[in-house]
Amino acid sequence: MDDDLLDADCSMPELTEPRLALFTLSEAHELLDVLHHFSAIEHNWAAQARHFAAELAARVPSRDG
């Protein structure tokens, strides 16, 4: 796994557009993928990742439509 994901000093790219108040559907699905990844590995955040993945999945339409 890439340790940059856990690095608090990892810099985010500069925004070129205003940030939307809500995630786009694509962003929500990408976040679900990340949460599912973290929930499947042995890590301190696995339980939290499972919790938030379930909460987000309950609120976001599936990719299948």
N, C-alpha and C. Protein backbone atom coordinates (compact mmCIF):
# COMPACT_ATOMS: atom_id res chain seq x y z
N MET A 1 0.84 -1.19 0.00
CA MET A 1 0.00 0.00 0.00
C MET A 1 0.88 1.24 0.00
N ASP A 2 0.40 2.27 -0.58
CA ASP A 2 1.13 3.52 -0.68
C ASP A 2 1.03 4.27 0.65
N ASP A 3 2.17 4.48 1.32
CA ASP A 3 2.17 5.16 2.60
C ASP A 3 1.82 6.63 2.49
N ASP A 4 1.85 7.20 1.29
CA ASP A 4 1.46 8.60 1.12
C ASP A 4 0.02 8.84 1.53
N LEU A 5 -0.83 7.81 1.42
CA LEU A 5 -2.22 7.98 1.80
C LEU A 5 -2.36 8.21 3.30
N LEU A 6 -1.40 7.71 4.08
CA LEU A 6 -1.46 7.85 5.53
C LEU A 6 -0.62 9.00 6.04
N ASP A 7 0.13 9.63 5.17
CA ASP A 7 1.04 10.70 5.55
C ASP A 7 0.28 12.01 5.72
N ALA A 8 0.29 12.53 6.94
CA ALA A 8 -0.43 13.78 7.21
C ALA A 8 0.19 14.96 6.47
N ASP A 9 1.46 14.84 6.09
CA ASP A 9 2.13 15.92 5.39
C ASP A 9 1.93 15.84 3.88
N CYS A 10 1.20 14.85 3.41
CA CYS A 10 0.95 14.69 1.98
C CYS A 10 0.14 15.88 1.49
N SER A 11 0.67 16.61 0.54
CA SER A 11 0.00 17.83 0.09
C SER A 11 -1.07 17.51 -0.96
N MET A 12 -2.13 18.26 -0.91
CA MET A 12 -3.21 18.13 -1.88
C MET A 12 -2.92 19.08 -3.03
N PRO A 13 -3.32 18.70 -4.24
CA PRO A 13 -3.10 19.61 -5.38
C PRO A 13 -3.91 20.89 -5.21
N GLU A 14 -3.41 21.93 -5.80
CA GLU A 14 -4.10 23.22 -5.76
C GLU A 14 -5.43 23.11 -6.50
N LEU A 15 -6.46 23.72 -5.95
CA LEU A 15 -7.77 23.73 -6.60
C LEU A 15 -7.76 24.75 -7.73
N THR A 16 -8.26 24.35 -8.88
CA THR A 16 -8.36 25.29 -10.00
C THR A 16 -9.80 25.75 -10.19
N GLU A 17 -10.72 25.08 -9.51
CA GLU A 17 -12.13 25.44 -9.58
C GLU A 17 -12.67 25.53 -8.16
N PRO A 18 -13.77 26.23 -7.96
CA PRO A 18 -14.37 26.26 -6.62
C PRO A 18 -14.79 24.85 -6.20
N ARG A 19 -14.63 24.56 -4.94
CA ARG A 19 -15.02 23.26 -4.41
C ARG A 19 -16.54 23.21 -4.27
N LEU A 20 -17.14 22.13 -4.75
CA LEU A 20 -18.58 21.95 -4.62
C LEU A 20 -18.93 21.64 -3.17
N ALA A 21 -20.13 22.00 -2.76
CA ALA A 21 -20.57 21.74 -1.40
C ALA A 21 -20.78 20.24 -1.14
N LEU A 22 -21.11 19.51 -2.19
CA LEU A 22 -21.35 18.07 -2.08
C LEU A 22 -20.44 17.33 -3.05
N PHE A 23 -20.20 16.05 -2.76
CA PHE A 23 -19.44 15.22 -3.70
C PHE A 23 -20.26 14.99 -4.96
N THR A 24 -19.58 14.89 -6.08
CA THR A 24 -20.26 14.41 -7.28
C THR A 24 -20.45 12.91 -7.10
N LEU A 25 -21.30 12.31 -7.91
CA LEU A 25 -21.53 10.87 -7.82
C LEU A 25 -20.23 10.10 -8.06
N SER A 26 -19.46 10.57 -9.01
CA SER A 26 -18.17 9.93 -9.31
C SER A 26 -17.23 10.01 -8.11
N GLU A 27 -17.16 11.18 -7.47
CA GLU A 27 -16.31 11.34 -6.29
C GLU A 27 -16.77 10.44 -5.15
N ALA A 28 -18.08 10.34 -4.96
CA ALA A 28 -18.61 9.48 -3.90
C ALA A 28 -18.24 8.02 -4.15
N HIS A 29 -18.31 7.57 -5.40
CA HIS A 29 -17.93 6.20 -5.71
C HIS A 29 -16.43 5.98 -5.51
N GLU A 30 -15.62 6.96 -5.87
CA GLU A 30 -14.18 6.85 -5.62
C GLU A 30 -13.89 6.77 -4.13
N LEU A 31 -14.57 7.58 -3.34
CA LEU A 31 -14.39 7.54 -1.89
C LEU A 31 -14.82 6.19 -1.33
N LEU A 32 -15.92 5.65 -1.83
CA LEU A 32 -16.35 4.31 -1.41
C LEU A 32 -15.27 3.27 -1.70
N ASP A 33 -14.64 3.37 -2.85
CA ASP A 33 -13.55 2.44 -3.19
C ASP A 33 -12.41 2.54 -2.18
N VAL A 34 -12.04 3.76 -1.82
CA VAL A 34 -10.97 3.96 -0.84
C VAL A 34 -11.37 3.40 0.52
N LEU A 35 -12.59 3.69 0.94
CA LEU A 35 -13.05 3.19 2.22
C LEU A 35 -13.11 1.66 2.24
N HIS A 36 -13.57 1.06 1.15
CA HIS A 36 -13.60 -0.40 1.08
C HIS A 36 -12.19 -0.97 1.15
N HIS A 37 -11.24 -0.31 0.52
CA HIS A 37 -9.84 -0.76 0.59
C HIS A 37 -9.35 -0.73 2.03
N PHE A 38 -9.54 0.39 2.71
CA PHE A 38 -9.07 0.50 4.09
C PHE A 38 -9.82 -0.44 5.03
N SER A 39 -11.07 -0.74 4.74
CA SER A 39 -11.82 -1.64 5.62
C SER A 39 -11.37 -3.09 5.47
N ALA A 40 -10.70 -3.41 4.37
CA ALA A 40 -10.29 -4.79 4.11
C ALA A 40 -8.88 -5.11 4.61
N ILE A 41 -8.14 -4.10 5.04
CA ILE A 41 -6.77 -4.35 5.48
C ILE A 41 -6.70 -4.28 7.00
N GLU A 42 -5.69 -4.90 7.56
CA GLU A 42 -5.47 -4.81 9.00
C GLU A 42 -4.86 -3.45 9.31
N HIS A 43 -5.66 -2.60 9.83
CA HIS A 43 -5.21 -1.24 10.13
C HIS A 43 -6.11 -0.68 11.21
N ASN A 44 -5.62 0.30 11.93
CA ASN A 44 -6.41 0.90 13.01
C ASN A 44 -7.69 1.54 12.51
N TRP A 45 -7.71 1.92 11.24
CA TRP A 45 -8.87 2.62 10.70
C TRP A 45 -9.88 1.69 10.05
N ALA A 46 -9.67 0.40 10.06
CA ALA A 46 -10.54 -0.53 9.34
C ALA A 46 -11.99 -0.46 9.82
N ALA A 47 -12.20 -0.44 11.12
CA ALA A 47 -13.58 -0.40 11.65
C ALA A 47 -14.28 0.90 11.26
N GLN A 48 -13.56 2.01 11.35
CA GLN A 48 -14.14 3.29 10.95
C GLN A 48 -14.42 3.31 9.45
N ALA A 49 -13.51 2.76 8.67
CA ALA A 49 -13.70 2.71 7.22
C ALA A 49 -14.94 1.89 6.88
N ARG A 50 -15.12 0.75 7.54
CA ARG A 50 -16.32 -0.07 7.29
C ARG A 50 -17.59 0.70 7.64
N HIS A 51 -17.54 1.40 8.77
CA HIS A 51 -18.71 2.17 9.20
C HIS A 51 -19.07 3.25 8.18
N PHE A 52 -18.08 4.06 7.78
CA PHE A 52 -18.36 5.15 6.86
C PHE A 52 -18.67 4.65 5.44
N ALA A 53 -18.09 3.52 5.06
CA ALA A 53 -18.42 2.94 3.75
C ALA A 53 -19.90 2.54 3.74
N ALA A 54 -20.36 1.92 4.81
CA ALA A 54 -21.77 1.52 4.89
C ALA A 54 -22.69 2.74 4.90
N GLU A 55 -22.31 3.78 5.65
CA GLU A 55 -23.12 5.00 5.70
C GLU A 55 -23.18 5.69 4.34
N LEU A 56 -22.05 5.78 3.67
CA LEU A 56 -22.02 6.42 2.35
C LEU A 56 -22.77 5.59 1.33
N ALA A 57 -22.60 4.28 1.36
CA ALA A 57 -23.28 3.40 0.41
C ALA A 57 -24.80 3.49 0.56
N ALA A 58 -25.27 3.73 1.77
CA ALA A 58 -26.71 3.85 2.00
C ALA A 58 -27.29 5.14 1.42
N ARG A 59 -26.42 6.11 1.15
CA ARG A 59 -26.88 7.42 0.67
C ARG A 59 -26.57 7.69 -0.80
N VAL A 60 -25.74 6.85 -1.41
CA VAL A 60 -25.29 7.08 -2.79
C VAL A 60 -25.88 6.03 -3.71
N PRO A 61 -26.46 6.43 -4.83
CA PRO A 61 -26.96 5.44 -5.78
C PRO A 61 -25.84 4.52 -6.25
N SER A 62 -26.16 3.28 -6.50
CA SER A 62 -25.14 2.33 -6.94
C SER A 62 -24.66 2.68 -8.34
N ARG A 63 -23.50 2.16 -8.68
CA ARG A 63 -22.96 2.39 -10.02
C ARG A 63 -23.80 1.70 -11.08
N ASP A 64 -24.49 0.64 -10.68
CA ASP A 64 -25.30 -0.13 -11.62
C ASP A 64 -26.56 0.60 -12.04
N GLY A 65 -26.87 1.66 -11.34
CA GLY A 65 -28.02 2.45 -11.71
C GLY A 65 -29.21 2.06 -10.99
